PDB file of N, CA and C in Angstrom:
ATOM      1  N   MET A   1     -87.463  32.702  64.298  1.00  0.00           N
ATOM      2  CA  MET A   1     -86.099  32.989  64.682  1.00  0.00           C
ATOM      3  C   MET A   1     -85.899  34.496  64.696  1.00  0.00           C
ATOM      4  N   THR A   2     -85.363  35.003  65.756  1.00  0.00           N
ATOM      5  CA  THR A   2     -85.130  36.422  65.908  1.00  0.00           C
ATOM      6  C   THR A   2     -83.632  36.673  65.932  1.00  0.00           C
ATOM      7  N   LEU A   3     -83.224  37.642  65.158  1.00  0.00           N
ATOM      8  CA  LEU A   3     -81.812  38.017  65.127  1.00  0.00           C
ATOM      9  C   LEU A   3     -81.637  39.215  66.037  1.00  0.00           C
ATOM     10  N   LYS A   4     -80.816  39.050  67.024  1.00  0.00           N
ATOM     11  CA  LYS A   4     -80.596  40.130  67.975  1.00  0.00           C
ATOM     12  C   LYS A   4     -79.183  40.652  67.785  1.00  0.00           C
ATOM     13  N   MET A   5     -79.091  41.941  67.484  1.00  0.00           N
ATOM     14  CA  MET A   5     -77.788  42.557  67.272  1.00  0.00           C
ATOM     15  C   MET A   5     -77.570  43.592  68.358  1.00  0.00           C
ATOM     16  N   ASN A   6     -76.517  43.445  69.079  1.00  0.00           N
ATOM     17  CA  ASN A   6     -76.185  44.374  70.148  1.00  0.00           C
ATOM     18  C   ASN A   6     -75.117  45.349  69.666  1.00  0.00           C
ATOM     19  N   LEU A   7     -75.533  46.232  68.801  1.00  0.00           N
ATOM     20  CA  LEU A   7     -74.615  47.251  68.299  1.00  0.00           C
ATOM     21  C   LEU A   7     -74.825  48.535  69.074  1.00  0.00           C
ATOM     22  N   PRO A   8     -73.769  49.294  69.253  1.00  0.00           N
ATOM     23  CA  PRO A   8     -73.913  50.581  69.952  1.00  0.00           C
ATOM     24  C   PRO A   8     -74.874  51.510  69.195  1.00  0.00           C
ATOM     25  N   LYS A   9     -75.485  52.390  69.931  1.00  0.00           N
ATOM     26  CA  LYS A   9     -76.450  53.335  69.352  1.00  0.00           C
ATOM     27  C   LYS A   9     -75.797  54.169  68.250  1.00  0.00           C
ATOM     28  N   SER A  10     -74.543  54.530  68.399  1.00  0.00           N
ATOM     29  CA  SER A  10     -73.865  55.346  67.386  1.00  0.00           C
ATOM     30  C   SER A  10     -73.731  54.601  66.061  1.00  0.00           C
ATOM     31  N   VAL A  11     -73.572  53.285  66.114  1.00  0.00           N
ATOM     32  CA  VAL A  11     -73.488  52.495  64.879  1.00  0.00           C
ATOM     33  C   VAL A  11     -74.836  52.487  64.177  1.00  0.00           C
ATOM     34  N   TRP A  12     -75.907  52.293  64.925  1.00  0.00           N
ATOM     35  CA  TRP A  12     -77.250  52.329  64.339  1.00  0.00           C
ATOM     36  C   TRP A  12     -77.540  53.698  63.728  1.00  0.00           C
ATOM     37  N   THR A  13     -77.153  54.748  64.427  1.00  0.00           N
ATOM     38  CA  THR A  13     -77.352  56.099  63.913  1.00  0.00           C
ATOM     39  C   THR A  13     -76.598  56.293  62.607  1.00  0.00           C
ATOM     40  N   ALA A  14     -75.366  55.809  62.565  1.00  0.00           N
ATOM     41  CA  ALA A  14     -74.568  55.931  61.339  1.00  0.00           C
ATOM     42  C   ALA A  14     -75.199  55.155  60.194  1.00  0.00           C
ATOM     43  N   LEU A  15     -75.733  53.972  60.463  1.00  0.00           N
ATOM     44  CA  LEU A  15     -76.385  53.178  59.423  1.00  0.00           C
ATOM     45  C   LEU A  15     -77.633  53.873  58.882  1.00  0.00           C
ATOM     46  N   VAL A  16     -78.419  54.427  59.774  1.00  0.00           N
ATOM     47  CA  VAL A  16     -79.631  55.133  59.357  1.00  0.00           C
ATOM     48  C   VAL A  16     -79.269  56.358  58.520  1.00  0.00           C
ATOM     49  N   MET A  17     -78.263  57.099  58.946  1.00  0.00           N
ATOM     50  CA  MET A  17     -77.848  58.298  58.209  1.00  0.00           C
ATOM     51  C   MET A  17     -77.300  57.915  56.833  1.00  0.00           C
ATOM     52  N   ALA A  18     -76.503  56.852  56.759  1.00  0.00           N
ATOM     53  CA  ALA A  18     -75.940  56.423  55.476  1.00  0.00           C
ATOM     54  C   ALA A  18     -77.048  56.010  54.517  1.00  0.00           C
ATOM     55  N   THR A  19     -78.039  55.312  55.020  1.00  0.00           N
ATOM     56  CA  THR A  19     -79.176  54.907  54.191  1.00  0.00           C
ATOM     57  C   THR A  19     -79.948  56.125  53.704  1.00  0.00           C
ATOM     58  N   SER A  20     -80.167  57.084  54.563  1.00  0.00           N
ATOM     59  CA  SER A  20     -80.878  58.305  54.186  1.00  0.00           C
ATOM     60  C   SER A  20     -80.115  59.093  53.137  1.00  0.00           C
ATOM     61  N   LEU A  21     -78.823  59.221  53.337  1.00  0.00           N
ATOM     62  CA  LEU A  21     -78.011  59.975  52.380  1.00  0.00           C
ATOM     63  C   LEU A  21     -77.959  59.289  51.028  1.00  0.00           C
ATOM     64  N   THR A  22     -77.935  57.986  51.011  1.00  0.00           N
ATOM     65  CA  THR A  22     -77.946  57.253  49.744  1.00  0.00           C
ATOM     66  C   THR A  22     -79.224  57.551  48.991  1.00  0.00           C
ATOM     67  N   GLY A  23     -80.337  57.599  49.682  1.00  0.00           N
ATOM     68  CA  GLY A  23     -81.610  57.918  49.046  1.00  0.00           C
ATOM     69  C   GLY A  23     -81.618  59.317  48.469  1.00  0.00           C
ATOM     70  N   CYS A  24     -81.049  60.271  49.175  1.00  0.00           N
ATOM     71  CA  CYS A  24     -80.995  61.647  48.690  1.00  0.00           C
ATOM     72  C   CYS A  24     -80.038  61.779  47.514  1.00  0.00           C
ATOM     73  N   ALA A  25     -78.943  61.065  47.555  1.00  0.00           N
ATOM     74  CA  ALA A  25     -77.958  61.156  46.482  1.00  0.00           C
ATOM     75  C   ALA A  25     -78.486  60.574  45.189  1.00  0.00           C
ATOM     76  N   SER A  26     -79.447  59.660  45.273  1.00  0.00           N
ATOM     77  CA  SER A  26     -79.964  59.051  44.060  1.00  0.00           C
ATOM     78  C   SER A  26     -81.146  59.820  43.485  1.00  0.00           C
ATOM     79  N   TYR A  27     -81.534  60.909  44.113  1.00  0.00           N
ATOM     80  CA  TYR A  27     -82.626  61.732  43.617  1.00  0.00           C
ATOM     81  C   TYR A  27     -82.256  62.293  42.258  1.00  0.00           C
ATOM     82  N   HIS A  28     -83.142  62.128  41.279  1.00  0.00           N
ATOM     83  CA  HIS A  28     -82.854  62.544  39.911  1.00  0.00           C
ATOM     84  C   HIS A  28     -83.734  63.730  39.527  1.00  0.00           C
ATOM     85  N   THR A  29     -83.115  64.756  38.998  1.00  0.00           N
ATOM     86  CA  THR A  29     -83.876  65.881  38.485  1.00  0.00           C
ATOM     87  C   THR A  29     -83.884  65.800  36.973  1.00  0.00           C
ATOM     88  N   ASP A  30     -84.924  66.322  36.376  1.00  0.00           N
ATOM     89  CA  ASP A  30     -85.002  66.328  34.921  1.00  0.00           C
ATOM     90  C   ASP A  30     -83.920  67.217  34.353  1.00  0.00           C
ATOM     91  N   SER A  31     -83.296  66.752  33.293  1.00  0.00           N
ATOM     92  CA  SER A  31     -82.286  67.570  32.634  1.00  0.00           C
ATOM     93  C   SER A  31     -82.984  68.567  31.713  1.00  0.00           C
ATOM     94  N   PRO A  32     -82.312  69.656  31.372  1.00  0.00           N
ATOM     95  CA  PRO A  32     -82.928  70.658  30.501  1.00  0.00           C
ATOM     96  C   PRO A  32     -83.349  70.049  29.168  1.00  0.00           C
ATOM     97  N   THR A  33     -84.470  70.512  28.667  1.00  0.00           N
ATOM     98  CA  THR A  33     -84.979  70.009  27.389  1.00  0.00           C
ATOM     99  C   THR A  33     -84.845  71.030  26.266  1.00  0.00           C
ATOM    100  N   HIS A  34     -84.580  72.280  26.647  1.00  0.00           N
ATOM    101  CA  HIS A  34     -84.528  73.323  25.625  1.00  0.00           C
ATOM    102  C   HIS A  34     -83.759  74.541  26.139  1.00  0.00           C
ATOM    103  N   SER A  35     -83.433  75.415  25.198  1.00  0.00           N
ATOM    104  CA  SER A  35     -82.868  76.721  25.544  1.00  0.00           C
ATOM    105  C   SER A  35     -83.276  77.694  24.446  1.00  0.00           C
ATOM    106  N   TRP A  36     -83.126  78.964  24.734  1.00  0.00           N
ATOM    107  CA  TRP A  36     -83.511  80.012  23.787  1.00  0.00           C
ATOM    108  C   TRP A  36     -82.287  80.836  23.427  1.00  0.00           C
ATOM    109  N   SER A  37     -82.261  81.303  22.187  1.00  0.00           N
ATOM    110  CA  SER A  37     -81.171  82.192  21.777  1.00  0.00           C
ATOM    111  C   SER A  37     -81.750  83.399  21.065  1.00  0.00           C
ATOM    112  N   SER A  38     -81.033  84.504  21.186  1.00  0.00           N
ATOM    113  CA  SER A  38     -81.437  85.750  20.539  1.00  0.00           C
ATOM    114  C   SER A  38     -80.182  86.579  20.287  1.00  0.00           C
ATOM    115  N   ASP A  39     -80.116  87.165  19.119  1.00  0.00           N
ATOM    116  CA  ASP A  39     -78.975  88.027  18.805  1.00  0.00           C
ATOM    117  C   ASP A  39     -79.154  89.429  19.379  1.00  0.00           C
ATOM    118  N   GLN A  40     -80.390  89.810  19.693  1.00  0.00           N
ATOM    119  CA  GLN A  40     -80.652  91.179  20.142  1.00  0.00           C
ATOM    120  C   GLN A  40     -80.879  91.326  21.638  1.00  0.00           C
ATOM    121  N   ALA A  41     -81.434  90.323  22.293  1.00  0.00           N
ATOM    122  CA  ALA A  41     -81.858  90.478  23.689  1.00  0.00           C
ATOM    123  C   ALA A  41     -80.677  90.394  24.659  1.00  0.00           C
ATOM    124  N   THR A  42     -80.709  91.273  25.636  1.00  0.00           N
ATOM    125  CA  THR A  42     -79.732  91.196  26.734  1.00  0.00           C
ATOM    126  C   THR A  42     -80.205  90.126  27.715  1.00  0.00           C
ATOM    127  N   ILE A  43     -79.372  89.793  28.671  1.00  0.00           N
ATOM    128  CA  ILE A  43     -79.760  88.807  29.682  1.00  0.00           C
ATOM    129  C   ILE A  43     -80.968  89.298  30.470  1.00  0.00           C
ATOM    130  N   SER A  44     -80.987  90.574  30.798  1.00  0.00           N
ATOM    131  CA  SER A  44     -82.121  91.140  31.544  1.00  0.00           C
ATOM    132  C   SER A  44     -83.399  91.080  30.721  1.00  0.00           C
ATOM    133  N   GLU A  45     -83.296  91.404  29.435  1.00  0.00           N
ATOM    134  CA  GLU A  45     -84.478  91.327  28.567  1.00  0.00           C
ATOM    135  C   GLU A  45     -84.975  89.890  28.433  1.00  0.00           C
ATOM    136  N   TYR A  46     -84.028  88.959  28.290  1.00  0.00           N
ATOM    137  CA  TYR A  46     -84.409  87.550  28.210  1.00  0.00           C
ATOM    138  C   TYR A  46     -85.153  87.121  29.468  1.00  0.00           C
ATOM    139  N   ARG A  47     -84.622  87.460  30.628  1.00  0.00           N
ATOM    140  CA  ARG A  47     -85.263  87.056  31.882  1.00  0.00           C
ATOM    141  C   ARG A  47     -86.680  87.611  31.986  1.00  0.00           C
ATOM    142  N   LEU A  48     -86.847  88.857  31.598  1.00  0.00           N
ATOM    143  CA  LEU A  48     -88.169  89.478  31.648  1.00  0.00           C
ATOM    144  C   LEU A  48     -89.118  88.806  30.647  1.00  0.00           C
ATOM    145  N   ASP A  49     -88.642  88.596  29.406  1.00  0.00           N
ATOM    146  CA  ASP A  49     -89.471  87.928  28.399  1.00  0.00           C
ATOM    147  C   ASP A  49     -89.831  86.510  28.839  1.00  0.00           C
ATOM    148  N   ASN A  50     -88.860  85.788  29.360  1.00  0.00           N
ATOM    149  CA  ASN A  50     -89.097  84.420  29.819  1.00  0.00           C
ATOM    150  C   ASN A  50     -90.146  84.396  30.922  1.00  0.00           C
ATOM    151  N   TYR A  51     -90.004  85.277  31.893  1.00  0.00           N
ATOM    152  CA  TYR A  51     -90.969  85.357  32.989  1.00  0.00           C
ATOM    153  C   TYR A  51     -92.368  85.701  32.462  1.00  0.00           C
ATOM    154  N   ASP A  52     -92.453  86.684  31.567  1.00  0.00           N
ATOM    155  CA  ASP A  52     -93.745  87.089  31.012  1.00  0.00           C
ATOM    156  C   ASP A  52     -94.411  85.948  30.243  1.00  0.00           C
ATOM    157  N   CYS A  53     -93.620  85.219  29.446  1.00  0.00           N
ATOM    158  CA  CYS A  53     -94.192  84.127  28.653  1.00  0.00           C
ATOM    159  C   CYS A  53     -94.630  82.956  29.535  1.00  0.00           C
ATOM    160  N   ILE A  54     -93.881  82.674  30.593  1.00  0.00           N
ATOM    161  CA  ILE A  54     -94.295  81.631  31.535  1.00  0.00           C
ATOM    162  C   ILE A  54     -95.601  82.046  32.205  1.00  0.00           C
ATOM    163  N   SER A  55     -95.680  83.303  32.583  1.00  0.00           N
ATOM    164  CA  SER A  55     -96.895  83.817  33.214  1.00  0.00           C
ATOM    165  C   SER A  55     -98.079  83.770  32.239  1.00  0.00           C
ATOM    166  N   ASP A  56     -97.839  84.159  30.979  1.00  0.00           N
ATOM    167  CA  ASP A  56     -98.903  84.111  29.977  1.00  0.00           C
ATOM    168  C   ASP A  56     -99.410  82.688  29.746  1.00  0.00           C
ATOM    169  N   ALA A  57     -98.531  81.708  29.872  1.00  0.00           N
ATOM    170  CA  ALA A  57     -98.911  80.300  29.684  1.00  0.00           C
ATOM    171  C   ALA A  57     -99.585  79.723  30.934  1.00  0.00           C
ATOM    172  N   LYS A  58     -99.711  80.546  31.966  1.00  0.00           N
ATOM    173  CA  LYS A  58    -100.353  80.151  33.230  1.00  0.00           C
ATOM    174  C   LYS A  58     -99.733  78.875  33.815  1.00  0.00           C
ATOM    175  N   THR A  59     -98.414  78.899  33.921  1.00  0.00           N
ATOM    176  CA  THR A  59     -97.689  77.773  34.483  1.00  0.00           C
ATOM    177  C   THR A  59     -96.489  78.291  35.255  1.00  0.00           C
ATOM    178  N   GLU A  60     -95.676  77.401  35.760  1.00  0.00           N
ATOM    179  CA  GLU A  60     -94.442  77.768  36.441  1.00  0.00           C
ATOM    180  C   GLU A  60     -93.293  77.063  35.742  1.00  0.00           C
ATOM    181  N   GLU A  61     -92.088  77.628  35.841  1.00  0.00           N
ATOM    182  CA  GLU A  61     -90.943  77.101  35.109  1.00  0.00           C
ATOM    183  C   GLU A  61     -90.683  75.629  35.403  1.00  0.00           C
ATOM    184  N   GLN A  62     -90.759  75.224  36.661  1.00  0.00           N
ATOM    185  CA  GLN A  62     -90.474  73.835  37.001  1.00  0.00           C
ATOM    186  C   GLN A  62     -91.550  72.877  36.501  1.00  0.00           C
ATOM    187  N   GLU A  63     -92.713  73.388  36.128  1.00  0.00           N
ATOM    188  CA  GLU A  63     -93.791  72.555  35.601  1.00  0.00           C
ATOM    189  C   GLU A  63     -93.812  72.543  34.077  1.00  0.00           C
ATOM    190  N   LEU A  64     -92.930  73.293  33.456  1.00  0.00           N
ATOM    191  CA  LEU A  64     -92.909  73.430  32.009  1.00  0.00           C
ATOM    192  C   LEU A  64     -92.274  72.199  31.373  1.00  0.00           C
ATOM    193  N   LYS A  65     -93.080  71.363  30.754  1.00  0.00           N
ATOM    194  CA  LYS A  65     -92.599  70.146  30.107  1.00  0.00           C
ATOM    195  C   LYS A  65     -92.932  70.218  28.618  1.00  0.00           C
ATOM    196  N   GLN A  66     -91.968  69.769  27.806  1.00  0.00           N
ATOM    197  CA  GLN A  66     -92.210  69.773  26.371  1.00  0.00           C
ATOM    198  C   GLN A  66     -93.408  68.892  26.038  1.00  0.00           C
ATOM    199  N   ASN A  67     -93.997  69.173  24.891  1.00  0.00           N
ATOM    200  CA  ASN A  67     -95.147  68.420  24.383  1.00  0.00           C
ATOM    201  C   ASN A  67     -96.395  68.578  25.243  1.00  0.00           C
ATOM    202  N   THR A  68     -96.523  69.723  25.901  1.00  0.00           N
ATOM    203  CA  THR A  68     -97.752  70.036  26.628  1.00  0.00           C
ATOM    204  C   THR A  68     -98.322  71.324  26.049  1.00  0.00           C
ATOM    205  N   ALA A  69     -99.603  71.566  26.297  1.00  0.00           N
ATOM    206  CA  ALA A  69    -100.244  72.781  25.799  1.00  0.00           C
ATOM    207  C   ALA A  69     -99.591  74.028  26.388  1.00  0.00           C
ATOM    208  N   GLN A  70     -99.215  73.969  27.677  1.00  0.00           N
ATOM    209  CA  GLN A  70     -98.578  75.121  28.316  1.00  0.00           C
ATOM    210  C   GLN A  70     -97.224  75.417  27.670  1.00  0.00           C
ATOM    211  N   PHE A  71     -96.461  74.374  27.358  1.00  0.00           N
ATOM    212  CA  PHE A  71     -95.158  74.605  26.727  1.00  0.00           C
ATOM    213  C   PHE A  71     -95.347  75.205  25.345  1.00  0.00           C
ATOM    214  N   GLN A  72     -96.332  74.734  24.600  1.00  0.00           N
ATOM    215  CA  GLN A  72     -96.573  75.265  23.257  1.00  0.00           C
ATOM    216  C   GLN A  72     -96.947  76.742  23.319  1.00  0.00           C
ATOM    217  N   GLU A  73     -97.793  77.099  24.277  1.00  0.00           N
ATOM    218  CA  GLU A  73     -98.176  78.504  24.455  1.00  0.00           C
ATOM    219  C   GLU A  73     -96.957  79.347  24.842  1.00  0.00           C
ATOM    220  N   TYR A  74     -96.157  78.823  25.759  1.00  0.00           N
ATOM    221  CA  TYR A  74     -94.923  79.496  26.187  1.00  0.00           C
ATOM    222  C   TYR A  74     -93.959  79.658  25.005  1.00  0.00           C
ATOM    223  N   ALA A  75     -93.763  78.585  24.230  1.00  0.00           N
ATOM    224  CA  ALA A  75     -92.842  78.620  23.082  1.00  0.00           C
ATOM    225  C   ALA A  75     -93.315  79.621  22.038  1.00  0.00           C
ATOM    226  N   ASN A  76     -94.605  79.657  21.757  1.00  0.00           N
ATOM    227  CA  ASN A  76     -95.136  80.623  20.795  1.00  0.00           C
ATOM    228  C   ASN A  76     -94.888  82.049  21.249  1.00  0.00           C
ATOM    229  N   CYS A  77     -95.055  82.304  22.531  1.00  0.00           N
ATOM    230  CA  CYS A  77     -94.804  83.627  23.092  1.00  0.00           C
ATOM    231  C   CYS A  77     -93.338  84.020  22.908  1.00  0.00           C
ATOM    232  N   MET A  78     -92.420  83.096  23.245  1.00  0.00           N
ATOM    233  CA  MET A  78     -90.989  83.393  23.109  1.00  0.00           C
ATOM    234  C   MET A  78     -90.606  83.622  21.649  1.00  0.00           C
ATOM    235  N   LYS A  79     -91.168  82.834  20.744  1.00  0.00           N
ATOM    236  CA  LYS A  79     -90.871  82.993  19.312  1.00  0.00           C
ATOM    237  C   LYS A  79     -91.363  84.351  18.808  1.00  0.00           C
ATOM    238  N   LYS A  80     -92.537  84.778  19.267  1.00  0.00           N
ATOM    239  CA  LYS A  80     -93.076  86.081  18.871  1.00  0.00           C
ATOM    240  C   LYS A  80     -92.178  87.223  19.340  1.00  0.00           C
ATOM    241  N   ARG A  81     -91.443  86.982  20.414  1.00  0.00           N
ATOM    242  CA  ARG A  81     -90.541  88.005  20.952  1.00  0.00           C
ATOM    243  C   ARG A  81     -89.142  87.927  20.332  1.00  0.00           C
ATOM    244  N   GLY A  82     -88.976  87.036  19.338  1.00  0.00           N
ATOM    245  CA  GLY A  82     -87.734  87.009  18.586  1.00  0.00           C
ATOM    246  C   GLY A  82     -86.709  85.969  19.026  1.00  0.00           C
ATOM    247  N   TYR A  83     -87.098  85.009  19.827  1.00  0.00           N
ATOM    248  CA  TYR A  83     -86.161  83.978  20.302  1.00  0.00           C
ATOM    249  C   TYR A  83     -86.238  82.732  19.425  1.00  0.00           C
ATOM    250  N   ALA A  84     -85.120  82.074  19.279  1.00  0.00           N
ATOM    251  CA  ALA A  84     -85.053  80.806  18.552  1.00  0.00           C
ATOM    252  C   ALA A  84     -84.962  79.675  19.568  1.00  0.00           C
ATOM    253  N   LEU A  85     -85.755  78.629  19.356  1.00  0.00           N
ATOM    254  CA  LEU A  85     -85.784  77.492  20.273  1.00  0.00           C
ATOM    255  C   LEU A  85     -84.769  76.444  19.841  1.00  0.00           C
ATOM    256  N   ARG A  86     -83.971  76.002  20.816  1.00  0.00           N
ATOM    257  CA  ARG A  86     -83.045  74.879  20.607  1.00  0.00           C
ATOM    258  C   ARG A  86     -83.481  73.769  21.561  1.00  0.00           C
ATOM    259  N   THR A  87     -83.726  72.569  21.043  1.00  0.00           N
ATOM    260  CA  THR A  87     -84.129  71.455  21.893  1.00  0.00           C
ATOM    261  C   THR A  87     -83.002  70.447  22.008  1.00  0.00           C
ATOM    262  N   TYR A  88     -83.042  69.683  23.081  1.00  0.00           N
ATOM    263  CA  TYR A  88     -82.026  68.671  23.339  1.00  0.00           C
ATOM    264  C   TYR A  88     -82.644  67.293  23.314  1.00  0.00           C
TER     265      TYR A  88
END
């Protein structure tokens, strides 16, 4: 049995777009797992230290996941620079 639907092309286009948008809207990003605090560092100093420690851990920020060797190396670097780790 074949179901034949004679809907206008604009209706089909709208259905395809709605389905696509629903898929994009349900895309989930990981929520933050940690943050750093320092009483002495400025925002610029923090950004530089953070970048240097990520580079030293040979990883990228979006790949930094807790409980990995790279995160531990990164965390040790930040702690040595005077930052306190807060986890969520």
